[in-house]
ModelCIF file with pLDDT and N, C-alpha, C, O atoms, coordinates in Angstrom:
data_MODEL
#
_entry.id   MODEL 
#
_entity.id                         1 
_entity.type                       polymer 
_entity.pdbx_number_of_molecules   1 
#
_entity_poly.entity_id                      1 
_entity_poly.type                           'polypeptide(L)' 
_entity_poly.nstd_linkage                   no 
_entity_poly.nstd_monomer                   no 
_entity_poly.pdbx_seq_one_letter_code       TVDDPNQSFTSAFTFNGTTLNGINDLGQVVGFYSDGTHVNGVLATAT 
_entity_poly.pdbx_seq_one_letter_code_can   TVDDPNQSFTSAFTFNGTTLNGINDLGQVVGFYSDGTHVNGVLATAT 
_entity_poly.pdbx_strand_id                 A 
#
loop_
_entity_poly_seq.entity_id 
_entity_poly_seq.num 
_entity_poly_seq.mon_id 
_entity_poly_seq.hetero 
1 1  THR n 
1 2  VAL n 
1 3  ASP n 
1 4  ASP n 
1 5  PRO n 
1 6  ASN n 
1 7  GLN n 
1 8  SER n 
1 9  PHE n 
1 10 THR n 
1 11 SER n 
1 12 ALA n 
1 13 PHE n 
1 14 THR n 
1 15 PHE n 
1 16 ASN n 
1 17 GLY n 
1 18 THR n 
1 19 THR n 
1 20 LEU n 
1 21 ASN n 
1 22 GLY n 
1 23 ILE n 
1 24 ASN n 
1 25 ASP n 
1 26 LEU n 
1 27 GLY n 
1 28 GLN n 
1 29 VAL n 
1 30 VAL n 
1 31 GLY n 
1 32 PHE n 
1 33 TYR n 
1 34 SER n 
1 35 ASP n 
1 36 GLY n 
1 37 THR n 
1 38 HIS n 
1 39 VAL n 
1 40 ASN n 
1 41 GLY n 
1 42 VAL n 
1 43 LEU n 
1 44 ALA n 
1 45 THR n 
1 46 ALA n 
1 47 THR n 
#
_struct_asym.id          A 
_struct_asym.entity_id   1 
#
loop_
_ma_qa_metric.id 
_ma_qa_metric.mode 
_ma_qa_metric.name 
_ma_qa_metric.software_group_id 
_ma_qa_metric.type 
1 global pLDDT . pLDDT 
2 local  pLDDT . pLDDT 
#
_ma_qa_metric_global.metric_id      1 
_ma_qa_metric_global.metric_value   95.23 
_ma_qa_metric_global.model_id       1 
_ma_qa_metric_global.ordinal_id     1 
#
loop_
_ma_qa_metric_local.label_asym_id 
_ma_qa_metric_local.label_comp_id 
_ma_qa_metric_local.label_seq_id 
_ma_qa_metric_local.metric_id 
_ma_qa_metric_local.metric_value 
_ma_qa_metric_local.model_id 
_ma_qa_metric_local.ordinal_id 
A THR 1  2 95.00 1 1  
A VAL 2  2 97.00 1 2  
A ASP 3  2 97.00 1 3  
A ASP 4  2 98.00 1 4  
A PRO 5  2 98.00 1 5  
A ASN 6  2 97.00 1 6  
A GLN 7  2 97.00 1 7  
A SER 8  2 96.00 1 8  
A PHE 9  2 95.00 1 9  
A THR 10 2 91.00 1 10 
A SER 11 2 87.00 1 11 
A ALA 12 2 81.00 1 12 
A PHE 13 2 82.00 1 13 
A THR 14 2 83.00 1 14 
A PHE 15 2 89.00 1 15 
A ASN 16 2 95.00 1 16 
A GLY 17 2 97.00 1 17 
A THR 18 2 98.00 1 18 
A THR 19 2 98.00 1 19 
A LEU 20 2 98.00 1 20 
A ASN 21 2 98.00 1 21 
A GLY 22 2 98.00 1 22 
A ILE 23 2 98.00 1 23 
A ASN 24 2 98.00 1 24 
A ASP 25 2 98.00 1 25 
A LEU 26 2 96.00 1 26 
A GLY 27 2 95.00 1 27 
A GLN 28 2 98.00 1 28 
A VAL 29 2 98.00 1 29 
A VAL 30 2 98.00 1 30 
A GLY 31 2 98.00 1 31 
A PHE 32 2 98.00 1 32 
A TYR 33 2 98.00 1 33 
A SER 34 2 97.00 1 34 
A ASP 35 2 97.00 1 35 
A GLY 36 2 95.00 1 36 
A THR 37 2 94.00 1 37 
A HIS 38 2 95.00 1 38 
A VAL 39 2 97.00 1 39 
A ASN 40 2 98.00 1 40 
A GLY 41 2 98.00 1 41 
A VAL 42 2 98.00 1 42 
A LEU 43 2 98.00 1 43 
A ALA 44 2 98.00 1 44 
A THR 45 2 97.00 1 45 
A ALA 46 2 91.00 1 46 
A THR 47 2 85.00 1 47 
#
loop_
_atom_site.group_PDB 
_atom_site.id 
_atom_site.type_symbol 
_atom_site.label_atom_id 
_atom_site.label_alt_id 
_atom_site.label_comp_id 
_atom_site.label_asym_id 
_atom_site.label_entity_id 
_atom_site.label_seq_id 
_atom_site.pdbx_PDB_ins_code 
_atom_site.Cartn_x 
_atom_site.Cartn_y 
_atom_site.Cartn_z 
_atom_site.occupancy 
_atom_site.B_iso_or_equiv 
_atom_site.pdbx_formal_charge 
_atom_site.auth_seq_id 
_atom_site.auth_comp_id 
_atom_site.auth_asym_id 
_atom_site.auth_atom_id 
_atom_site.pdbx_PDB_model_num 
ATOM 1   N N  . THR A 1 1  ? -10.559 3.861  5.113   1.00 95.00 ? 1  THR A N  1 
ATOM 2   C CA . THR A 1 1  ? -9.280  3.186  5.260   1.00 95.00 ? 1  THR A CA 1 
ATOM 3   C C  . THR A 1 1  ? -9.113  2.224  4.095   1.00 95.00 ? 1  THR A C  1 
ATOM 4   O O  . THR A 1 1  ? -9.997  1.410  3.828   1.00 95.00 ? 1  THR A O  1 
ATOM 5   N N  . VAL A 1 2  ? -7.978  2.315  3.396   1.00 97.00 ? 2  VAL A N  1 
ATOM 6   C CA . VAL A 1 2  ? -7.705  1.449  2.242   1.00 97.00 ? 2  VAL A CA 1 
ATOM 7   C C  . VAL A 1 2  ? -6.332  0.829  2.443   1.00 97.00 ? 2  VAL A C  1 
ATOM 8   O O  . VAL A 1 2  ? -5.312  1.488  2.241   1.00 97.00 ? 2  VAL A O  1 
ATOM 9   N N  . ASP A 1 3  ? -6.307  -0.431 2.837   1.00 97.00 ? 3  ASP A N  1 
ATOM 10  C CA . ASP A 1 3  ? -5.062  -1.153 3.091   1.00 97.00 ? 3  ASP A CA 1 
ATOM 11  C C  . ASP A 1 3  ? -4.913  -2.315 2.128   1.00 97.00 ? 3  ASP A C  1 
ATOM 12  O O  . ASP A 1 3  ? -5.881  -3.022 1.849   1.00 97.00 ? 3  ASP A O  1 
ATOM 13  N N  . ASP A 1 4  ? -3.708  -2.516 1.621   1.00 98.00 ? 4  ASP A N  1 
ATOM 14  C CA . ASP A 1 4  ? -3.463  -3.676 0.783   1.00 98.00 ? 4  ASP A CA 1 
ATOM 15  C C  . ASP A 1 4  ? -3.709  -4.946 1.605   1.00 98.00 ? 4  ASP A C  1 
ATOM 16  O O  . ASP A 1 4  ? -3.231  -5.040 2.736   1.00 98.00 ? 4  ASP A O  1 
ATOM 17  N N  . PRO A 1 5  ? -4.442  -5.921 1.062   1.00 98.00 ? 5  PRO A N  1 
ATOM 18  C CA . PRO A 1 5  ? -4.751  -7.129 1.847   1.00 98.00 ? 5  PRO A CA 1 
ATOM 19  C C  . PRO A 1 5  ? -3.530  -7.958 2.209   1.00 98.00 ? 5  PRO A C  1 
ATOM 20  O O  . PRO A 1 5  ? -3.603  -8.803 3.101   1.00 98.00 ? 5  PRO A O  1 
ATOM 21  N N  . ASN A 1 6  ? -2.401  -7.731 1.528   1.00 97.00 ? 6  ASN A N  1 
ATOM 22  C CA . ASN A 1 6  ? -1.180  -8.493 1.823   1.00 97.00 ? 6  ASN A CA 1 
ATOM 23  C C  . ASN A 1 6  ? -0.234  -7.760 2.764   1.00 97.00 ? 6  ASN A C  1 
ATOM 24  O O  . ASN A 1 6  ? 0.895   -8.200 2.982   1.00 97.00 ? 6  ASN A O  1 
ATOM 25  N N  . GLN A 1 7  ? -0.691  -6.647 3.319   1.00 97.00 ? 7  GLN A N  1 
ATOM 26  C CA . GLN A 1 7  ? 0.181   -5.871 4.200   1.00 97.00 ? 7  GLN A CA 1 
ATOM 27  C C  . GLN A 1 7  ? 0.477   -6.621 5.496   1.00 97.00 ? 7  GLN A C  1 
ATOM 28  O O  . GLN A 1 7  ? -0.256  -7.518 5.911   1.00 97.00 ? 7  GLN A O  1 
ATOM 29  N N  . SER A 1 8  ? 1.575   -6.217 6.111   1.00 96.00 ? 8  SER A N  1 
ATOM 30  C CA . SER A 1 8  ? 1.938   -6.736 7.426   1.00 96.00 ? 8  SER A CA 1 
ATOM 31  C C  . SER A 1 8  ? 2.313   -5.557 8.311   1.00 96.00 ? 8  SER A C  1 
ATOM 32  O O  . SER A 1 8  ? 2.978   -4.620 7.868   1.00 96.00 ? 8  SER A O  1 
ATOM 33  N N  . PHE A 1 9  ? 1.882   -5.614 9.561   1.00 95.00 ? 9  PHE A N  1 
ATOM 34  C CA . PHE A 1 9  ? 2.277   -4.581 10.510  1.00 95.00 ? 9  PHE A CA 1 
ATOM 35  C C  . PHE A 1 9  ? 3.570   -4.956 11.230  1.00 95.00 ? 9  PHE A C  1 
ATOM 36  O O  . PHE A 1 9  ? 4.085   -4.184 12.039  1.00 95.00 ? 9  PHE A O  1 
ATOM 37  N N  . THR A 1 10 ? 4.092   -6.152 10.928  1.00 91.00 ? 10 THR A N  1 
ATOM 38  C CA . THR A 1 10 ? 5.406   -6.565 11.410  1.00 91.00 ? 10 THR A CA 1 
ATOM 39  C C  . THR A 1 10 ? 6.346   -6.529 10.225  1.00 91.00 ? 10 THR A C  1 
ATOM 40  O O  . THR A 1 10 ? 6.129   -7.239 9.243   1.00 91.00 ? 10 THR A O  1 
ATOM 41  N N  . SER A 1 11 ? 7.383   -5.718 10.298  1.00 87.00 ? 11 SER A N  1 
ATOM 42  C CA . SER A 1 11 ? 8.191   -5.494 9.105   1.00 87.00 ? 11 SER A CA 1 
ATOM 43  C C  . SER A 1 11 ? 9.671   -5.433 9.435   1.00 87.00 ? 11 SER A C  1 
ATOM 44  O O  . SER A 1 11 ? 10.071  -4.994 10.513  1.00 87.00 ? 11 SER A O  1 
ATOM 45  N N  . ALA A 1 12 ? 10.479  -5.887 8.473   1.00 81.00 ? 12 ALA A N  1 
ATOM 46  C CA . ALA A 1 12 ? 11.926  -5.762 8.603   1.00 81.00 ? 12 ALA A CA 1 
ATOM 47  C C  . ALA A 1 12 ? 12.375  -4.328 8.355   1.00 81.00 ? 12 ALA A C  1 
ATOM 48  O O  . ALA A 1 12 ? 13.514  -3.970 8.653   1.00 81.00 ? 12 ALA A O  1 
ATOM 49  N N  . PHE A 1 13 ? 11.472  -3.499 7.805   1.00 82.00 ? 13 PHE A N  1 
ATOM 50  C CA . PHE A 1 13 ? 11.776  -2.109 7.516   1.00 82.00 ? 13 PHE A CA 1 
ATOM 51  C C  . PHE A 1 13 ? 11.206  -1.214 8.619   1.00 82.00 ? 13 PHE A C  1 
ATOM 52  O O  . PHE A 1 13 ? 10.375  -1.646 9.419   1.00 82.00 ? 13 PHE A O  1 
ATOM 53  N N  . THR A 1 14 ? 11.666  0.032  8.647   1.00 83.00 ? 14 THR A N  1 
ATOM 54  C CA . THR A 1 14 ? 11.103  0.981  9.601   1.00 83.00 ? 14 THR A CA 1 
ATOM 55  C C  . THR A 1 14 ? 9.648   1.271  9.262   1.00 83.00 ? 14 THR A C  1 
ATOM 56  O O  . THR A 1 14 ? 8.873   1.669  10.131  1.00 83.00 ? 14 THR A O  1 
ATOM 57  N N  . PHE A 1 15 ? 9.274   1.073  8.000   1.00 89.00 ? 15 PHE A N  1 
ATOM 58  C CA . PHE A 1 15 ? 7.902   1.265  7.544   1.00 89.00 ? 15 PHE A CA 1 
ATOM 59  C C  . PHE A 1 15 ? 7.129   -0.045 7.585   1.00 89.00 ? 15 PHE A C  1 
ATOM 60  O O  . PHE A 1 15 ? 7.664   -1.099 7.240   1.00 89.00 ? 15 PHE A O  1 
ATOM 61  N N  . ASN A 1 16 ? 5.854   0.021  8.012   1.00 95.00 ? 16 ASN A N  1 
ATOM 62  C CA . ASN A 1 16 ? 4.992   -1.146 7.904   1.00 95.00 ? 16 ASN A CA 1 
ATOM 63  C C  . ASN A 1 16 ? 3.613   -0.713 7.414   1.00 95.00 ? 16 ASN A C  1 
ATOM 64  O O  . ASN A 1 16 ? 3.354   0.479  7.252   1.00 95.00 ? 16 ASN A O  1 
ATOM 65  N N  . GLY A 1 17 ? 2.731   -1.682 7.180   1.00 97.00 ? 17 GLY A N  1 
ATOM 66  C CA . GLY A 1 17 ? 1.383   -1.355 6.749   1.00 97.00 ? 17 GLY A CA 1 
ATOM 67  C C  . GLY A 1 17 ? 1.331   -0.803 5.337   1.00 97.00 ? 17 GLY A C  1 
ATOM 68  O O  . GLY A 1 17 ? 2.104   -1.212 4.471   1.00 97.00 ? 17 GLY A O  1 
ATOM 69  N N  . THR A 1 18 ? 0.400   0.144  5.107   1.00 98.00 ? 18 THR A N  1 
ATOM 70  C CA . THR A 1 18 ? 0.130   0.693  3.772   1.00 98.00 ? 18 THR A CA 1 
ATOM 71  C C  . THR A 1 18 ? 0.142   2.212  3.804   1.00 98.00 ? 18 THR A C  1 
ATOM 72  O O  . THR A 1 18 ? -0.385  2.823  4.734   1.00 98.00 ? 18 THR A O  1 
ATOM 73  N N  . THR A 1 19 ? 0.747   2.825  2.782   1.00 98.00 ? 19 THR A N  1 
ATOM 74  C CA . THR A 1 19 ? 0.688   4.275  2.575   1.00 98.00 ? 19 THR A CA 1 
ATOM 75  C C  . THR A 1 19 ? 0.201   4.537  1.161   1.00 98.00 ? 19 THR A C  1 
ATOM 76  O O  . THR A 1 19 ? 0.690   3.921  0.213   1.00 98.00 ? 19 THR A O  1 
ATOM 77  N N  . LEU A 1 20 ? -0.756  5.445  1.006   1.00 98.00 ? 20 LEU A N  1 
ATOM 78  C CA . LEU A 1 20 ? -1.237  5.850  -0.315  1.00 98.00 ? 20 LEU A CA 1 
ATOM 79  C C  . LEU A 1 20 ? -0.660  7.213  -0.648  1.00 98.00 ? 20 LEU A C  1 
ATOM 80  O O  . LEU A 1 20 ? -0.678  8.119  0.185   1.00 98.00 ? 20 LEU A O  1 
ATOM 81  N N  . ASN A 1 21 ? -0.145  7.364  -1.871  1.00 98.00 ? 21 ASN A N  1 
ATOM 82  C CA . ASN A 1 21 ? 0.624   8.568  -2.199  1.00 98.00 ? 21 ASN A CA 1 
ATOM 83  C C  . ASN A 1 21 ? 0.063   9.387  -3.354  1.00 98.00 ? 21 ASN A C  1 
ATOM 84  O O  . ASN A 1 21 ? 0.298   10.594 -3.412  1.00 98.00 ? 21 ASN A O  1 
ATOM 85  N N  . GLY A 1 22 ? -0.675  8.764  -4.279  1.00 98.00 ? 22 GLY A N  1 
ATOM 86  C CA . GLY A 1 22 ? -1.190  9.487  -5.438  1.00 98.00 ? 22 GLY A CA 1 
ATOM 87  C C  . GLY A 1 22 ? -2.553  8.979  -5.848  1.00 98.00 ? 22 GLY A C  1 
ATOM 88  O O  . GLY A 1 22 ? -2.869  7.808  -5.640  1.00 98.00 ? 22 GLY A O  1 
ATOM 89  N N  . ILE A 1 23 ? -3.382  9.866  -6.442  1.00 98.00 ? 23 ILE A N  1 
ATOM 90  C CA . ILE A 1 23 ? -4.707  9.490  -6.920  1.00 98.00 ? 23 ILE A CA 1 
ATOM 91  C C  . ILE A 1 23 ? -5.023  10.290 -8.177  1.00 98.00 ? 23 ILE A C  1 
ATOM 92  O O  . ILE A 1 23 ? -4.766  11.493 -8.232  1.00 98.00 ? 23 ILE A O  1 
ATOM 93  N N  . ASN A 1 24 ? -5.587  9.617  -9.198  1.00 98.00 ? 24 ASN A N  1 
ATOM 94  C CA . ASN A 1 24 ? -5.976  10.332 -10.413 1.00 98.00 ? 24 ASN A CA 1 
ATOM 95  C C  . ASN A 1 24 ? -7.475  10.623 -10.390 1.00 98.00 ? 24 ASN A C  1 
ATOM 96  O O  . ASN A 1 24 ? -8.157  10.297 -9.418  1.00 98.00 ? 24 ASN A O  1 
ATOM 97  N N  . ASP A 1 25 ? -7.985  11.233 -11.453 1.00 98.00 ? 25 ASP A N  1 
ATOM 98  C CA . ASP A 1 25 ? -9.387  11.643 -11.478 1.00 98.00 ? 25 ASP A CA 1 
ATOM 99  C C  . ASP A 1 25 ? -10.341 10.478 -11.674 1.00 98.00 ? 25 ASP A C  1 
ATOM 100 O O  . ASP A 1 25 ? -11.553 10.642 -11.533 1.00 98.00 ? 25 ASP A O  1 
ATOM 101 N N  . LEU A 1 26 ? -9.813  9.303  -11.997 1.00 96.00 ? 26 LEU A N  1 
ATOM 102 C CA . LEU A 1 26 ? -10.634 8.113  -12.152 1.00 96.00 ? 26 LEU A CA 1 
ATOM 103 C C  . LEU A 1 26 ? -10.751 7.335  -10.855 1.00 96.00 ? 26 LEU A C  1 
ATOM 104 O O  . LEU A 1 26 ? -11.434 6.313  -10.799 1.00 96.00 ? 26 LEU A O  1 
ATOM 105 N N  . GLY A 1 27 ? -10.083 7.818  -9.806  1.00 95.00 ? 27 GLY A N  1 
ATOM 106 C CA . GLY A 1 27 ? -10.124 7.133  -8.523  1.00 95.00 ? 27 GLY A CA 1 
ATOM 107 C C  . GLY A 1 27 ? -9.092  6.044  -8.372  1.00 95.00 ? 27 GLY A C  1 
ATOM 108 O O  . GLY A 1 27 ? -9.123  5.304  -7.389  1.00 95.00 ? 27 GLY A O  1 
ATOM 109 N N  . GLN A 1 28 ? -8.165  5.921  -9.330  1.00 98.00 ? 28 GLN A N  1 
ATOM 110 C CA . GLN A 1 28 ? -7.068  4.963  -9.186  1.00 98.00 ? 28 GLN A CA 1 
ATOM 111 C C  . GLN A 1 28 ? -6.041  5.536  -8.211  1.00 98.00 ? 28 GLN A C  1 
ATOM 112 O O  . GLN A 1 28 ? -5.680  6.711  -8.277  1.00 98.00 ? 28 GLN A O  1 
ATOM 113 N N  . VAL A 1 29 ? -5.588  4.681  -7.314  1.00 98.00 ? 29 VAL A N  1 
ATOM 114 C CA . VAL A 1 29 ? -4.703  5.112  -6.227  1.00 98.00 ? 29 VAL A CA 1 
ATOM 115 C C  . VAL A 1 29 ? -3.408  4.314  -6.289  1.00 98.00 ? 29 VAL A C  1 
ATOM 116 O O  . VAL A 1 29 ? -3.426  3.111  -6.553  1.00 98.00 ? 29 VAL A O  1 
ATOM 117 N N  . VAL A 1 30 ? -2.278  4.988  -6.045  1.00 98.00 ? 30 VAL A N  1 
ATOM 118 C CA . VAL A 1 30 ? -0.994  4.290  -5.953  1.00 98.00 ? 30 VAL A CA 1 
ATOM 119 C C  . VAL A 1 30 ? -0.340  4.571  -4.616  1.00 98.00 ? 30 VAL A C  1 
ATOM 120 O O  . VAL A 1 30 ? -0.605  5.585  -3.970  1.00 98.00 ? 30 VAL A O  1 
ATOM 121 N N  . GLY A 1 31 ? 0.515   3.655  -4.219  1.00 98.00 ? 31 GLY A N  1 
ATOM 122 C CA . GLY A 1 31 ? 1.238   3.797  -2.960  1.00 98.00 ? 31 GLY A CA 1 
ATOM 123 C C  . GLY A 1 31 ? 2.164   2.623  -2.778  1.00 98.00 ? 31 GLY A C  1 
ATOM 124 O O  . GLY A 1 31 ? 2.758   2.129  -3.736  1.00 98.00 ? 31 GLY A O  1 
ATOM 125 N N  . PHE A 1 32 ? 2.288   2.173  -1.532  1.00 98.00 ? 32 PHE A N  1 
ATOM 126 C CA . PHE A 1 32 ? 3.179   1.061  -1.247  1.00 98.00 ? 32 PHE A CA 1 
ATOM 127 C C  . PHE A 1 32 ? 2.781   0.423  0.076   1.00 98.00 ? 32 PHE A C  1 
ATOM 128 O O  . PHE A 1 32 ? 2.129   1.046  0.915   1.00 98.00 ? 32 PHE A O  1 
ATOM 129 N N  . TYR A 1 33 ? 3.188   -0.835 0.245   1.00 98.00 ? 33 TYR A N  1 
ATOM 130 C CA . TYR A 1 33 ? 2.882   -1.559 1.475   1.00 98.00 ? 33 TYR A CA 1 
ATOM 131 C C  . TYR A 1 33 ? 4.032   -2.495 1.807   1.00 98.00 ? 33 TYR A C  1 
ATOM 132 O O  . TYR A 1 33 ? 4.822   -2.856 0.935   1.00 98.00 ? 33 TYR A O  1 
ATOM 133 N N  . SER A 1 34 ? 4.118   -2.880 3.058   1.00 97.00 ? 34 SER A N  1 
ATOM 134 C CA . SER A 1 34 ? 5.105   -3.865 3.489   1.00 97.00 ? 34 SER A CA 1 
ATOM 135 C C  . SER A 1 34 ? 4.405   -5.192 3.735   1.00 97.00 ? 34 SER A C  1 
ATOM 136 O O  . SER A 1 34 ? 3.374   -5.249 4.407   1.00 97.00 ? 34 SER A O  1 
ATOM 137 N N  . ASP A 1 35 ? 4.974   -6.258 3.186   1.00 97.00 ? 35 ASP A N  1 
ATOM 138 C CA . ASP A 1 35 ? 4.429   -7.586 3.451   1.00 97.00 ? 35 ASP A CA 1 
ATOM 139 C C  . ASP A 1 35 ? 5.196   -8.285 4.570   1.00 97.00 ? 35 ASP A C  1 
ATOM 140 O O  . ASP A 1 35 ? 5.005   -9.475 4.820   1.00 97.00 ? 35 ASP A O  1 
ATOM 141 N N  . GLY A 1 36 ? 6.058   -7.537 5.233   1.00 95.00 ? 36 GLY A N  1 
ATOM 142 C CA . GLY A 1 36 ? 6.855   -8.082 6.324   1.00 95.00 ? 36 GLY A CA 1 
ATOM 143 C C  . GLY A 1 36 ? 8.315   -8.187 5.971   1.00 95.00 ? 36 GLY A C  1 
ATOM 144 O O  . GLY A 1 36 ? 9.177   -7.935 6.813   1.00 95.00 ? 36 GLY A O  1 
ATOM 145 N N  . THR A 1 37 ? 8.614   -8.559 4.724   1.00 94.00 ? 37 THR A N  1 
ATOM 146 C CA . THR A 1 37 ? 10.005  -8.694 4.283   1.00 94.00 ? 37 THR A CA 1 
ATOM 147 C C  . THR A 1 37 ? 10.324  -7.827 3.069   1.00 94.00 ? 37 THR A C  1 
ATOM 148 O O  . THR A 1 37 ? 11.498  -7.630 2.756   1.00 94.00 ? 37 THR A O  1 
ATOM 149 N N  . HIS A 1 38 ? 9.307   -7.301 2.375   1.00 95.00 ? 38 HIS A N  1 
ATOM 150 C CA . HIS A 1 38 ? 9.513   -6.451 1.212   1.00 95.00 ? 38 HIS A CA 1 
ATOM 151 C C  . HIS A 1 38 ? 8.614   -5.226 1.322   1.00 95.00 ? 38 HIS A C  1 
ATOM 152 O O  . HIS A 1 38 ? 7.579   -5.261 1.987   1.00 95.00 ? 38 HIS A O  1 
ATOM 153 N N  . VAL A 1 39 ? 9.019   -4.142 0.662   1.00 97.00 ? 39 VAL A N  1 
ATOM 154 C CA . VAL A 1 39 ? 8.141   -2.994 0.447   1.00 97.00 ? 39 VAL A CA 1 
ATOM 155 C C  . VAL A 1 39 ? 7.755   -3.018 -1.021  1.00 97.00 ? 39 VAL A C  1 
ATOM 156 O O  . VAL A 1 39 ? 8.619   -2.955 -1.896  1.00 97.00 ? 39 VAL A O  1 
ATOM 157 N N  . ASN A 1 40 ? 6.462   -3.110 -1.293  1.00 98.00 ? 40 ASN A N  1 
ATOM 158 C CA . ASN A 1 40 ? 5.960   -3.314 -2.643  1.00 98.00 ? 40 ASN A CA 1 
ATOM 159 C C  . ASN A 1 40 ? 5.130   -2.133 -3.115  1.00 98.00 ? 40 ASN A C  1 
ATOM 160 O O  . ASN A 1 40 ? 4.392   -1.534 -2.333  1.00 98.00 ? 40 ASN A O  1 
ATOM 161 N N  . GLY A 1 41 ? 5.251   -1.796 -4.401  1.00 98.00 ? 41 GLY A N  1 
ATOM 162 C CA . GLY A 1 41 ? 4.377   -0.801 -4.985  1.00 98.00 ? 41 GLY A CA 1 
ATOM 163 C C  . GLY A 1 41 ? 2.990   -1.376 -5.186  1.00 98.00 ? 41 GLY A C  1 
ATOM 164 O O  . GLY A 1 41 ? 2.846   -2.559 -5.494  1.00 98.00 ? 41 GLY A O  1 
ATOM 165 N N  . VAL A 1 42 ? 1.962   -0.549 -5.012  1.00 98.00 ? 42 VAL A N  1 
ATOM 166 C CA . VAL A 1 42 ? 0.595   -1.044 -5.163  1.00 98.00 ? 42 VAL A CA 1 
ATOM 167 C C  . VAL A 1 42 ? -0.242  -0.066 -5.974  1.00 98.00 ? 42 VAL A C  1 
ATOM 168 O O  . VAL A 1 42 ? -0.157  1.149  -5.790  1.00 98.00 ? 42 VAL A O  1 
ATOM 169 N N  . LEU A 1 43 ? -1.052  -0.613 -6.875  1.00 98.00 ? 43 LEU A N  1 
ATOM 170 C CA . LEU A 1 43 ? -2.070  0.125  -7.612  1.00 98.00 ? 43 LEU A CA 1 
ATOM 171 C C  . LEU A 1 43 ? -3.424  -0.377 -7.136  1.00 98.00 ? 43 LEU A C  1 
ATOM 172 O O  . LEU A 1 43 ? -3.719  -1.568 -7.236  1.00 98.00 ? 43 LEU A O  1 
ATOM 173 N N  . ALA A 1 44 ? -4.245  0.527  -6.622  1.00 98.00 ? 44 ALA A N  1 
ATOM 174 C CA . ALA A 1 44 ? -5.578  0.165  -6.134  1.00 98.00 ? 44 ALA A CA 1 
ATOM 175 C C  . ALA A 1 44 ? -6.617  0.864  -6.996  1.00 98.00 ? 44 ALA A C  1 
ATOM 176 O O  . ALA A 1 44 ? -6.581  2.084  -7.159  1.00 98.00 ? 44 ALA A O  1 
ATOM 177 N N  . THR A 1 45 ? -7.547  0.081  -7.550  1.00 97.00 ? 45 THR A N  1 
ATOM 178 C CA . THR A 1 45 ? -8.580  0.618  -8.422  1.00 97.00 ? 45 THR A CA 1 
ATOM 179 C C  . THR A 1 45 ? -9.926  0.527  -7.731  1.00 97.00 ? 45 THR A C  1 
ATOM 180 O O  . THR A 1 45 ? -10.328 -0.544 -7.278  1.00 97.00 ? 45 THR A O  1 
ATOM 181 N N  . ALA A 1 46 ? -10.625 1.656  -7.651  1.00 91.00 ? 46 ALA A N  1 
ATOM 182 C CA . ALA A 1 46 ? -11.883 1.725  -6.914  1.00 91.00 ? 46 ALA A CA 1 
ATOM 183 C C  . ALA A 1 46 ? -13.053 1.265  -7.770  1.00 91.00 ? 46 ALA A C  1 
ATOM 184 O O  . ALA A 1 46 ? -13.127 1.571  -8.960  1.00 91.00 ? 46 ALA A O  1 
ATOM 185 N N  . THR A 1 47 ? -13.963 0.529  -7.150  1.00 85.00 ? 47 THR A N  1 
ATOM 186 C CA . THR A 1 47 ? -15.226 0.141  -7.763  1.00 85.00 ? 47 THR A CA 1 
ATOM 187 C C  . THR A 1 47 ? -16.328 0.434  -6.760  1.00 85.00 ? 47 THR A C  1 
ATOM 188 O O  . THR A 1 47 ? -17.501 0.191  -7.044  1.00 85.00 ? 47 THR A O  1 
#
């Protein structure tokens, strides 16, 4: 499970929490999350 630490499960949008949508061969992941009032793009880099 990989969730953005700023996510909120209470949201003004129909979407809440975190969704991951793309991954490259280096393990970098992109997606989006809701912080409660905004839906934000997120880049997550694995270590």
